[in-house]
Protein backbone atom coordinates (compact mmCIF):
# COMPACT_ATOMS: atom_id res chain seq x y z
CA MET A 1 18.30 16.26 -11.87
CA ALA A 2 21.12 14.12 -13.29
CA PRO A 3 20.29 10.40 -13.37
CA LEU A 4 20.87 8.66 -10.06
CA HIS A 5 21.92 5.15 -9.19
CA ILE A 6 19.43 4.15 -6.48
CA CYS A 7 19.67 1.02 -4.35
CA ILE A 8 16.31 -0.14 -3.03
CA THR A 9 16.23 -2.90 -0.41
CA SER A 10 12.93 -4.73 0.02
CA VAL A 11 11.95 -8.23 1.06
CA LEU A 12 9.01 -7.94 -1.38
CA PHE A 13 9.01 -6.84 -5.02
CA ASP A 14 5.97 -6.96 -7.34
CA LYS A 15 4.18 -9.27 -4.90
CA LYS A 16 1.68 -8.48 -2.14
CA PRO A 17 0.67 -4.85 -1.53
CA GLU A 18 4.06 -3.73 -0.21
CA GLY A 19 5.95 -5.31 -3.08
CA ILE A 20 3.52 -3.99 -5.67
CA CYS A 21 4.01 -0.45 -4.36
CA THR A 22 7.79 -0.87 -4.48
CA GLY A 23 7.55 -2.28 -8.01
CA ARG A 24 5.53 0.68 -9.21
CA LEU A 25 8.02 3.10 -7.68
CA ILE A 26 10.93 1.28 -9.33
CA ARG A 27 9.22 1.54 -12.72
CA ALA A 28 8.58 5.24 -12.14
CA LEU A 29 12.25 5.86 -11.36
CA LEU A 30 13.38 3.84 -14.37
CA ASP A 31 11.01 5.79 -16.61
CA GLN A 32 12.60 8.98 -15.29
CA GLY A 33 16.01 7.78 -16.45
CA HIS A 34 17.47 6.60 -13.16
CA ARG A 35 19.25 3.30 -12.57
CA VAL A 36 17.95 1.02 -9.84
CA THR A 37 19.64 -1.86 -8.06
CA VAL A 38 17.04 -3.73 -6.03
CA LEU A 39 18.21 -6.12 -3.33
CA THR A 40 15.25 -8.37 -2.69
CA SER A 41 14.35 -11.83 -1.43
CA SER A 42 13.17 -15.12 -2.88
CA LYS A 43 9.68 -14.04 -1.77
CA GLU A 44 9.65 -11.55 -4.67
CA GLY A 45 7.56 -12.17 -7.75
CA SER A 46 8.81 -9.80 -10.43
CA SER A 47 9.47 -10.55 -14.07
CA LEU A 48 10.45 -6.95 -14.81
CA LYS A 49 13.33 -6.57 -17.28
CA HIS A 50 14.86 -3.17 -17.96
CA PRO A 51 18.34 -2.03 -19.00
CA GLY A 52 18.44 0.29 -16.00
CA LEU A 53 17.43 -2.40 -13.49
CA ASN A 54 19.76 -4.74 -11.64
CA LYS A 55 17.81 -7.21 -9.51
CA ILE A 56 19.75 -9.20 -6.91
CA VAL A 57 17.79 -11.95 -5.15
CA PHE A 58 18.86 -13.51 -1.85
CA SER A 59 17.11 -16.45 -0.23
CA HIS A 60 14.73 -15.44 2.56
CA ARG A 61 15.62 -18.68 4.36
CA PRO A 62 16.56 -19.73 6.96
CA ARG A 63 14.18 -17.81 9.20
CA TYR A 64 14.19 -20.14 12.22
CA PRO A 65 15.04 -20.63 15.03
CA ARG A 66 14.35 -16.99 15.81
CA ALA A 67 15.95 -17.24 19.26
CA MET A 68 19.26 -18.21 17.66
CA PHE A 69 19.12 -15.31 15.21
CA ARG A 70 18.24 -12.93 18.02
CA LEU A 71 21.34 -14.11 19.90
CA LEU A 72 23.44 -13.85 16.75
CA ALA A 73 22.28 -10.29 16.21
CA ARG A 74 23.34 -9.44 19.75
CA LEU A 75 26.77 -11.05 19.31
CA GLU A 76 27.35 -9.38 15.95
CA SER A 77 25.98 -6.00 17.08
CA GLY A 78 23.45 -6.40 14.29
CA ILE A 79 19.75 -5.64 14.00
CA PHE A 80 17.41 -8.55 14.60
CA SER A 81 14.46 -9.05 12.28
CA ASN A 82 12.24 -11.89 11.15
CA PHE A 83 14.36 -12.02 7.97
CA TYR A 84 17.70 -11.78 9.74
CA MET A 85 19.75 -13.97 7.38
CA TRP A 86 18.27 -12.33 4.28
CA ALA A 87 19.11 -8.88 5.63
CA LYS A 88 22.63 -9.99 6.48
CA LYS A 89 23.23 -11.39 2.98
CA ALA A 90 21.83 -8.26 1.33
CA ALA A 91 23.94 -6.00 3.56
CA ASN A 92 27.08 -7.89 2.51
CA TYR A 93 26.50 -7.28 -1.21
CA ASP A 94 29.62 -5.81 -2.83
CA PHE A 95 28.98 -2.95 -5.25
CA GLY A 96 32.62 -2.69 -6.23
CA GLN A 97 33.20 0.60 -8.02
CA ASP A 98 29.53 1.06 -8.91
CA VAL A 99 28.34 2.41 -5.57
CA PRO A 100 24.77 3.78 -5.57
CA ASP A 101 24.17 7.46 -4.95
CA VAL A 102 21.50 6.72 -2.34
CA PHE A 103 20.18 3.75 -0.39
CA TYR A 104 16.43 3.40 0.19
CA GLY A 105 14.97 0.82 2.58
CA ARG A 106 11.32 0.11 1.79
CA ALA A 107 9.50 -1.42 4.76
CA TRP A 108 7.15 -3.40 5.59
CA PRO A 109 8.52 -5.64 7.07
CA HIS A 110 11.07 -3.56 8.95
CA ALA A 111 13.75 -6.07 7.85
CA SER A 112 13.66 -4.27 4.49
CA MET A 113 15.23 -1.22 6.13
CA VAL A 114 18.18 -3.03 7.67
CA PRO A 115 20.40 -3.64 4.59
CA ALA A 116 19.87 -0.07 3.36
CA TYR A 117 20.92 1.25 6.77
CA GLN A 118 24.02 -0.94 6.92
CA LEU A 119 25.06 -0.35 3.30
CA ALA A 120 24.62 3.43 3.61
CA GLN A 121 26.95 3.35 6.61
CA LYS A 122 29.47 1.14 4.81
CA TYR A 123 29.61 3.27 1.65
CA LYS A 124 28.96 6.61 3.36
CA ARG A 125 25.98 7.44 1.16
CA PRO A 126 22.62 9.06 1.99
CA LEU A 127 20.00 6.83 3.59
CA LEU A 128 16.27 7.04 2.99
CA LEU A 129 13.71 4.89 4.80
CA HIS A 130 10.09 4.28 3.88
CA PHE A 131 7.38 3.38 6.39
CA SER A 132 4.55 1.94 4.31
CA ASP A 133 2.86 1.24 7.65
CA PRO A 134 3.88 2.61 11.04
CA PHE A 135 5.33 0.58 13.90
CA PRO A 136 3.19 -0.42 15.67
CA ALA A 137 0.15 -0.09 13.40
CA PRO A 138 -3.03 0.90 15.30
CA ASN A 139 -4.72 -2.40 14.38
CA GLU A 140 -1.71 -4.61 15.06
CA ASP A 141 -1.81 -7.34 17.71
CA LEU A 142 1.94 -7.89 17.64
CA VAL A 143 3.75 -6.34 20.61
CA TYR A 144 7.19 -4.92 19.83
CA ASP A 145 9.79 -5.06 22.59
CA ALA A 146 12.25 -2.41 23.71
CA PRO A 147 15.17 -3.77 21.61
CA PHE A 148 12.99 -3.52 18.49
CA PHE A 149 12.34 0.18 19.09
CA ARG A 150 15.99 0.80 19.97
CA ASP A 151 16.98 -0.64 16.60
CA LEU A 152 14.24 1.28 14.81
CA GLN A 153 15.38 4.48 16.50
CA LYS A 154 18.98 3.76 15.50
CA MET A 155 17.99 3.50 11.85
CA THR A 156 15.76 6.57 11.86
CA ASP A 157 18.51 8.56 13.57
CA ALA A 158 20.85 7.60 10.72
CA ALA A 159 18.31 8.36 7.99
CA ASP A 160 18.67 11.53 5.97
CA ALA A 161 15.00 11.36 4.99
CA ILE A 162 11.99 9.21 5.93
CA THR A 163 9.01 8.80 3.64
CA PHE A 164 5.40 8.01 4.56
CA THR A 165 2.21 7.58 2.56
CA ASN A 166 0.38 10.47 4.27
CA ASP A 167 0.72 13.17 6.90
CA GLU A 168 -1.44 11.26 9.39
CA THR A 169 1.10 8.43 9.54
CA ILE A 170 3.94 10.87 10.15
CA ASN A 171 2.17 12.33 13.16
CA TYR A 172 1.28 8.89 14.48
CA GLN A 173 4.77 7.42 14.05
CA ARG A 174 6.35 10.31 15.97
CA GLN A 175 4.50 9.10 19.06
CA HIS A 176 6.68 5.96 19.02
CA VAL A 177 9.93 6.99 17.29
CA ASN A 178 11.74 10.31 17.56
CA PHE A 179 12.73 12.12 14.37
CA GLU A 180 12.90 15.70 13.25
CA GLN A 181 9.89 16.86 11.27
CA VAL A 182 12.20 18.13 8.53
CA LYS A 183 13.25 14.54 7.81
CA ALA A 184 9.69 13.41 7.15
CA HIS A 185 8.19 13.53 3.66
CA VAL A 186 4.95 12.30 2.13
CA LEU A 187 5.56 10.05 -0.86
CA ASN A 188 2.22 8.96 -2.27
CA HIS A 189 1.53 5.49 -3.57
CA VAL A 190 2.25 5.31 -7.29
CA SER A 191 -1.05 4.81 -9.09
CA PRO A 192 -1.48 2.65 -12.16
CA ALA A 193 -2.12 4.48 -15.43
CA PRO A 194 -5.60 6.07 -15.39
CA VAL A 195 -8.36 3.95 -16.93
CA MET A 196 -11.12 5.71 -18.84
CA PHE A 197 -14.10 3.67 -20.06
CA ASP A 198 -16.63 4.52 -22.78
CA GLY A 199 -19.60 4.14 -20.46
CA PRO A 200 -20.90 2.73 -17.18
CA GLY A 201 -20.44 -0.81 -15.96
CA GLU A 202 -23.20 -3.22 -14.98
CA SER A 203 -25.82 -1.22 -13.12
CA GLY A 204 -26.20 -2.18 -9.46
CA HIS A 205 -23.19 -4.53 -9.49
CA PHE A 206 -20.97 -3.70 -6.51
CA TYR A 207 -17.38 -5.03 -6.56
CA HIS A 208 -15.01 -5.23 -3.61
CA VAL A 209 -11.53 -6.12 -4.89
CA GLY A 210 -9.00 -7.53 -2.42
CA GLY A 211 -8.81 -9.22 0.93
CA VAL A 212 -11.12 -9.10 3.92
CA GLY A 213 -10.69 -10.79 7.26
CA PRO A 214 -10.57 -10.25 11.00
CA SER A 215 -9.18 -6.72 10.79
CA ARG A 216 -11.25 -5.70 7.76
CA SER A 217 -14.54 -7.46 8.32
CA PRO A 218 -17.01 -7.94 5.44
CA VAL A 219 -19.93 -7.90 7.89
CA PRO A 220 -20.77 -4.16 7.66
CA LEU A 221 -20.85 -4.42 3.86
CA LEU A 222 -23.08 -7.50 3.94
CA GLU A 223 -25.47 -6.04 6.47
CA GLY A 224 -25.70 -2.80 4.50
CA PHE A 225 -26.22 -4.67 1.25
CA ALA A 226 -28.93 -6.86 2.83
CA LEU A 227 -30.95 -3.68 3.40
CA HIS A 228 -30.05 -2.19 0.03
CA VAL A 229 -31.06 -5.27 -1.99
CA LYS A 230 -34.55 -5.22 -0.47
CA LYS A 231 -35.12 -1.87 -2.21
CA HIS A 232 -33.08 -2.77 -5.28
CA PRO A 233 -33.56 -6.51 -5.94
CA GLY A 234 -31.52 -6.33 -9.14
CA SER A 235 -28.34 -5.34 -7.28
CA ARG A 236 -25.47 -7.81 -6.82
CA PHE A 237 -22.34 -7.79 -4.69
CA TYR A 238 -19.05 -9.47 -5.62
CA PHE A 239 -15.97 -10.02 -3.46
CA VAL A 240 -13.03 -10.50 -5.83
CA GLY A 241 -9.97 -12.26 -4.42
CA ALA A 242 -11.31 -12.47 -0.85
CA ASN A 243 -10.67 -15.54 1.27
CA ALA A 244 -14.00 -17.37 1.14
CA LYS A 245 -13.66 -18.66 4.69
CA TYR A 246 -14.16 -15.10 5.96
CA VAL A 247 -17.07 -14.33 3.65
CA ASP A 248 -19.14 -17.43 2.82
CA PRO A 249 -20.39 -18.11 6.38
CA GLU A 250 -21.45 -14.48 6.72
CA ILE A 251 -23.25 -14.61 3.37
CA GLU A 252 -25.12 -17.76 4.40
CA ALA A 253 -26.00 -16.36 7.80
CA ARG A 254 -27.79 -13.43 6.14
CA GLY A 255 -29.50 -15.39 3.37
CA LEU A 256 -27.59 -13.57 0.64
CA ALA A 257 -26.31 -16.56 -1.35
CA GLU A 258 -28.32 -15.55 -4.43
CA THR A 259 -27.10 -11.97 -4.54
CA VAL A 260 -23.55 -12.04 -3.11
CA LYS A 261 -20.71 -14.07 -4.62
CA VAL A 262 -17.03 -14.61 -3.88
CA LEU A 263 -14.97 -14.57 -7.10
CA PRO A 264 -11.39 -15.86 -7.39
CA PHE A 265 -8.31 -13.65 -7.43
CA THR A 266 -7.32 -12.36 -10.86
CA ASP A 267 -4.36 -10.47 -12.26
CA ASP A 268 -6.67 -8.93 -14.85
CA VAL A 269 -8.12 -6.31 -12.54
CA LYS A 270 -8.92 -3.96 -15.42
CA SER A 271 -11.55 -6.37 -16.75
CA VAL A 272 -13.12 -6.51 -13.27
CA PHE A 273 -13.19 -2.73 -13.10
CA GLU A 274 -14.80 -2.56 -16.54
CA LYS A 275 -17.67 -4.84 -15.46
CA ALA A 276 -18.18 -3.10 -12.13
CA GLY A 277 -21.09 -0.76 -11.63
CA ILE A 278 -19.58 0.48 -8.34
CA LEU A 279 -16.19 -0.14 -6.73
CA VAL A 280 -16.33 -0.63 -2.96
CA SER A 281 -13.69 -0.43 -0.25
CA ILE A 282 -13.90 -0.85 3.49
CA ASP A 283 -11.20 0.35 5.88
CA THR A 284 -10.18 -1.12 9.16
CA GLN A 285 -11.85 0.74 12.02
CA VAL A 286 -8.87 2.18 13.86
CA SER A 287 -8.17 5.29 15.85
CA PRO A 288 -6.47 7.35 14.70
CA PRO A 289 -7.34 6.54 11.09
CA ILE A 290 -4.04 6.68 9.21
CA PHE A 291 -4.15 4.25 6.30
CA THR A 292 -4.20 5.00 2.58
CA PRO A 293 -4.73 1.55 1.03
CA THR A 294 -3.38 1.05 -2.50
CA LYS A 295 -6.85 -0.17 -3.47
CA ILE A 296 -8.49 3.22 -3.05
CA VAL A 297 -5.80 4.86 -5.20
CA GLU A 298 -6.42 2.26 -7.93
CA TYR A 299 -10.17 2.87 -7.68
CA MET A 300 -9.78 6.64 -7.94
CA VAL A 301 -7.84 6.42 -11.21
CA THR A 302 -10.56 4.24 -12.74
CA ALA A 303 -13.70 5.72 -14.31
CA ARG A 304 -16.12 3.98 -11.99
CA PRO A 305 -18.18 5.20 -9.01
CA VAL A 306 -16.53 4.57 -5.65
CA LEU A 307 -18.13 3.80 -2.29
CA ALA A 308 -15.63 3.94 0.57
CA ILE A 309 -16.53 2.81 4.08
CA THR A 310 -13.92 4.59 6.16
CA PRO A 311 -13.49 6.32 9.53
CA GLN A 312 -14.25 10.02 9.92
CA ASP A 313 -11.44 12.32 8.71
CA SER A 314 -9.39 9.41 7.39
CA PRO A 315 -6.93 9.81 4.51
CA VAL A 316 -9.39 7.82 2.39
CA SER A 317 -12.27 10.19 3.16
CA LYS A 318 -10.07 13.13 2.11
CA LEU A 319 -9.04 11.38 -1.09
CA VAL A 320 -12.56 10.54 -2.27
CA ALA A 321 -13.63 14.10 -1.45
CA ARG A 322 -11.68 15.15 -4.53
CA SER A 323 -14.61 13.97 -6.65
CA PRO A 324 -17.87 14.08 -4.66
CA GLU A 325 -19.90 13.55 -7.84
CA THR A 326 -18.38 10.10 -8.39
CA ALA A 327 -16.98 8.99 -5.03
CA ILE A 328 -18.78 8.74 -1.70
CA ALA A 329 -17.31 8.24 1.75
CA VAL A 330 -19.52 6.63 4.41
CA THR A 331 -18.02 7.23 7.83
CA ASP A 332 -20.60 5.28 9.86
CA TYR A 333 -20.29 1.49 9.80
CA SER A 334 -23.95 0.84 10.65
CA ALA A 335 -26.03 -1.15 8.16
CA GLU A 336 -28.56 1.63 7.66
CA VAL A 337 -25.96 4.26 6.77
CA ILE A 338 -24.01 1.93 4.49
CA ALA A 339 -27.25 0.97 2.72
CA ALA A 340 -28.05 4.65 2.24
CA GLY A 341 -24.58 5.14 0.76
CA MET A 342 -25.20 2.25 -1.63
CA ASP A 343 -28.51 3.79 -2.69
CA LYS A 344 -26.84 7.14 -3.27
CA VAL A 345 -23.92 5.86 -5.33
CA LEU A 346 -26.29 3.68 -7.38
CA ALA A 347 -28.23 6.79 -8.37
CA ALA A 348 -25.14 8.68 -9.56
CA GLU A 349 -25.27 9.49 -13.27
CA TRP A 350 -22.32 8.37 -15.41
CA GLN A 351 -20.76 11.34 -17.20
CA SER A 352 -17.44 11.00 -19.00
CA HIS A 353 -16.29 14.59 -18.43
CA VAL A 354 -16.76 14.21 -14.66
CA TYR A 355 -14.55 11.13 -14.63
CA GLU A 356 -11.96 12.83 -16.80
CA SER A 357 -11.80 15.59 -14.18
CA ARG A 358 -11.38 13.00 -11.40
CA LEU A 359 -8.55 11.25 -13.21
CA ALA A 360 -6.84 14.61 -13.76
CA ALA A 361 -7.25 15.44 -10.06
CA MET A 362 -5.26 12.29 -9.21
CA SER A 363 -2.17 13.42 -11.12
CA ASP A 364 -0.14 13.81 -7.92
CA TYR A 365 -0.30 10.00 -7.61
CA SER A 366 1.06 9.43 -11.13
CA ALA A 367 4.38 7.68 -11.73
CA ALA A 368 6.00 10.83 -13.13
CA SER A 369 4.80 12.93 -10.19
CA ILE A 370 6.11 10.46 -7.59
CA ALA A 371 9.47 10.10 -9.34
CA THR A 372 9.81 13.89 -9.36
CA LYS A 373 8.89 14.04 -5.68
CA PHE A 374 11.54 11.41 -4.92
CA GLU A 375 14.13 13.50 -6.77
CA GLU A 376 13.13 16.55 -4.73
CA ILE A 377 13.57 14.60 -1.49
CA VAL A 378 17.04 13.45 -2.51
CA ALA A 379 17.95 16.99 -3.57
CA SER A 380 16.81 18.32 -0.17
CA ILE A 381 19.32 16.17 1.69
CA LYS A 382 22.19 18.35 2.85
């Protein structure tokens, strides 16, 4: 495919999970020879410099009073969002003679879609939308009103293609928004470069990297580990980057202060992975299970054993099934079953050729693969 000029609109860029995913995609497209104009907000955190990248930053403020912006959206026949003024400023950006070939709105939040939708209409160019999470998510407490779904439907109706992180999310989203199946495409998370180590990490040292909280409780992990450590007193569990207020009280309540620690957030995740004996993830218990967290993708391209606590038949369980010798899915959140999973993954033998096979099996998440898939989606638009 000839190089494209792609405009990506996203509140977040290289910051928080949604922005990190968008940043990795942008790098993949740049590596493929495309040009990217990203319209982002002052909430972004990117230092990326590239001759093919044009980053335009608009302030994400003001955001309040929301009632006034809701009224303004009605008067202007616009689309209300919790970043209404940012979306309006981004949608008014003037490309002059250098109009992009395609506009791609990368949501969450859904405000990220709005400028892409409006600019695609203005310049009469193809529109792509990305749902990193569906609306509403199964575990979401926020209630969306009828105007929200009318606006969401308006944008999806205008879209030439809609991308999702897995097939399960496509099926779930169609329960709430109407779109033709032919419009829907799976665009995997872009994985970091595979990491191969010379040998195992610290035996019996379990590492959970990332946040936990009300929707992703650490309690099943702690209760499972409390049973595991009785049989394996040399084991240790580390929460890296977790908010201590959600973890420390639970650690104390179970008498695990000597064997479980909360470590601070770090940008040097590779060094954490190198130390780790086992990488652990725990999914939110939702029905239907639809999430593919970026964390599990990062784990699976790292030569370390993986223990995933995840619902039955979830995208995560299917992903770790690619390498049953090195990655185990536990689909029961009871302490006894989680402890048994910990015992099993601890006993797994470290073999370099097995990990090399796992890394190779994850090639469809590579930057080059995702960039090629994006090109195919654009080419499929009539």
